[in-house]
Amino acid sequence: MKTKREQRVRDLIDQMTRERGYLPAQWPYAIEKDVDFMEVYNKVYNSALNSDRVLPIKTRELIAIALLAFRNMQDGFYPHMKRALRYGATKEEIFESLKVSIIIGGGAPSFANALQALLQIEEEEKSGRKGRGK
């Protein structure tokens, strides 16, 4: 029989996975360590990325992709690109957000790393695989 805390941990892991379509490997660890904090973090995340109030989720994801490219956060490119596609972005729009990041952020290596994730998505589509972010 699960304790109330264990159930909260399991529920939050399930909720975050469902909302994002993926869950970084380190989040279950963080949730287990401090479920109260991660519940608050998830509310902030949802307010920033899962809300359609003014900017559609697709647009929010395109912004996130550009920021990830600017910061060269390679682990985030693929799942956010898959999520953007799921919410109606096109690969062309993703490419455009990467172009903005190279001009504003001035980072050709970051741009190249982000393009690698987009290439992976295209290869998966050609082969009929869904990949890890859908």
Protein backbone atom coordinates (compact mmCIF):
# COMPACT_ATOMS: atom_id res chain seq x y z
CA MET A 1 0.00 0.00 0.00
CA LYS A 2 1.40 3.36 -1.06
CA THR A 3 1.69 6.22 1.38
CA LYS A 4 0.07 9.55 0.55
CA ARG A 5 3.51 11.00 -0.32
CA GLU A 6 4.40 8.05 -2.57
CA GLN A 7 1.10 8.50 -4.38
CA ARG A 8 1.77 12.23 -4.85
CA VAL A 9 5.21 11.40 -6.29
CA ARG A 10 3.74 8.85 -8.71
CA ASP A 11 0.88 11.18 -9.70
CA LEU A 12 3.24 14.09 -10.37
CA ILE A 13 5.58 11.95 -12.49
CA ASP A 14 2.59 10.73 -14.50
CA GLN A 15 1.13 14.22 -14.84
CA MET A 16 4.41 15.82 -15.95
CA THR A 17 5.03 13.03 -18.47
CA ARG A 18 1.51 13.36 -19.88
CA GLU A 19 1.65 17.17 -20.10
CA ARG A 20 5.05 17.31 -21.78
CA GLY A 21 4.99 14.12 -23.80
CA TYR A 22 8.34 13.23 -22.22
CA LEU A 23 10.07 13.61 -18.87
CA PRO A 24 13.78 14.29 -18.45
CA ALA A 25 15.44 11.47 -16.52
CA GLN A 26 16.43 13.75 -13.64
CA TRP A 27 12.89 14.95 -12.86
CA PRO A 28 11.68 11.74 -11.13
CA TYR A 29 14.76 11.99 -8.91
CA ALA A 30 13.93 15.62 -8.05
CA ILE A 31 10.28 14.74 -7.45
CA GLU A 32 11.26 11.95 -5.08
CA LYS A 33 13.60 14.31 -3.21
CA ASP A 34 11.12 17.19 -2.85
CA VAL A 35 7.64 16.62 -4.20
CA ASP A 36 6.37 19.92 -2.72
CA PHE A 37 8.95 21.96 -4.65
CA MET A 38 8.41 20.05 -7.87
CA GLU A 39 4.63 20.54 -7.67
CA VAL A 40 5.26 24.30 -7.50
CA TYR A 41 7.86 24.06 -10.30
CA ASN A 42 5.32 22.21 -12.45
CA LYS A 43 2.73 24.95 -11.91
CA VAL A 44 5.24 27.58 -13.04
CA TYR A 45 6.26 25.41 -16.02
CA ASN A 46 2.62 24.95 -17.03
CA SER A 47 1.96 28.69 -16.73
CA ALA A 48 4.94 29.43 -18.98
CA LEU A 49 4.74 26.61 -21.55
CA ASN A 50 1.35 24.88 -21.34
CA SER A 51 -0.92 27.88 -21.50
CA ASP A 52 -2.72 29.14 -24.60
CA ARG A 53 -3.92 32.34 -22.91
CA VAL A 54 -2.09 34.84 -25.12
CA LEU A 55 0.63 32.98 -27.00
CA PRO A 56 -0.22 29.54 -28.35
CA ILE A 57 1.79 26.62 -26.99
CA LYS A 58 3.40 26.23 -30.40
CA THR A 59 4.82 29.77 -30.17
CA ARG A 60 5.97 29.25 -26.60
CA GLU A 61 7.84 26.13 -27.70
CA LEU A 62 9.48 27.99 -30.60
CA ILE A 63 10.72 30.58 -28.11
CA ALA A 64 11.97 27.81 -25.83
CA ILE A 65 13.82 26.19 -28.74
CA ALA A 66 15.52 29.47 -29.63
CA LEU A 67 16.57 29.96 -26.00
CA LEU A 68 17.83 26.39 -25.74
CA ALA A 69 19.87 26.92 -28.90
CA PHE A 70 21.22 30.21 -27.56
CA ARG A 71 22.32 28.45 -24.37
CA ASN A 72 23.48 25.33 -26.30
CA MET A 73 21.38 23.06 -24.09
CA GLN A 74 21.56 20.04 -26.38
CA ASP A 75 19.42 17.75 -24.24
CA GLY A 76 16.44 20.07 -24.64
CA PHE A 77 16.39 20.52 -28.40
CA TYR A 78 14.80 17.24 -29.40
CA PRO A 79 11.93 17.03 -26.87
CA HIS A 80 10.96 20.67 -27.32
CA MET A 81 11.04 20.32 -31.10
CA LYS A 82 8.82 17.23 -30.91
CA ARG A 83 6.47 19.08 -28.59
CA ALA A 84 6.36 22.11 -30.89
CA LEU A 85 5.48 19.83 -33.80
CA ARG A 86 2.77 18.16 -31.71
CA TYR A 87 1.23 21.60 -31.08
CA GLY A 88 1.20 22.57 -34.75
CA ALA A 89 4.64 24.01 -35.49
CA THR A 90 6.26 23.11 -38.76
CA LYS A 91 9.89 22.12 -39.23
CA GLU A 92 10.27 25.35 -41.19
CA GLU A 93 9.09 27.36 -38.17
CA ILE A 94 11.53 25.50 -35.94
CA PHE A 95 14.32 26.26 -38.40
CA GLU A 96 13.31 29.94 -38.36
CA SER A 97 13.51 30.03 -34.55
CA LEU A 98 17.02 28.58 -34.82
CA LYS A 99 17.98 31.28 -37.30
CA VAL A 100 16.87 33.91 -34.81
CA SER A 101 18.98 32.28 -32.10
CA ILE A 102 22.15 32.36 -34.19
CA ILE A 103 21.74 36.06 -35.01
CA ILE A 104 20.77 37.19 -31.52
CA GLY A 105 22.90 34.65 -29.66
CA GLY A 106 25.82 34.60 -32.07
CA GLY A 107 26.55 30.91 -31.75
CA ALA A 108 27.22 28.81 -34.82
CA PRO A 109 28.08 25.72 -32.72
CA SER A 110 24.76 25.99 -30.88
CA PHE A 111 22.95 26.39 -34.18
CA ALA A 112 24.65 23.26 -35.53
CA ASN A 113 23.78 21.24 -32.42
CA ALA A 114 20.14 22.28 -32.65
CA LEU A 115 20.04 21.40 -36.33
CA GLN A 116 21.22 17.90 -35.42
CA ALA A 117 18.04 17.39 -33.38
CA LEU A 118 15.89 18.64 -36.26
CA LEU A 119 17.70 16.28 -38.64
CA GLN A 120 17.00 13.40 -36.24
CA ILE A 121 13.29 14.22 -36.33
CA GLU A 122 13.29 14.26 -40.14
CA GLU A 123 15.14 10.93 -40.28
CA GLU A 124 12.59 9.41 -37.90
CA GLU A 125 9.75 10.64 -40.08
CA LYS A 126 11.35 9.14 -43.19
CA SER A 127 11.83 5.79 -41.48
CA GLY A 128 8.37 5.81 -39.86
CA ARG A 129 9.70 5.89 -36.28
CA LYS A 130 7.98 8.12 -33.76
CA GLY A 131 10.97 8.94 -31.56
CA ARG A 132 11.13 9.71 -27.89
CA GLY A 133 9.19 12.95 -27.74
CA LYS A 134 5.80 12.02 -29.14
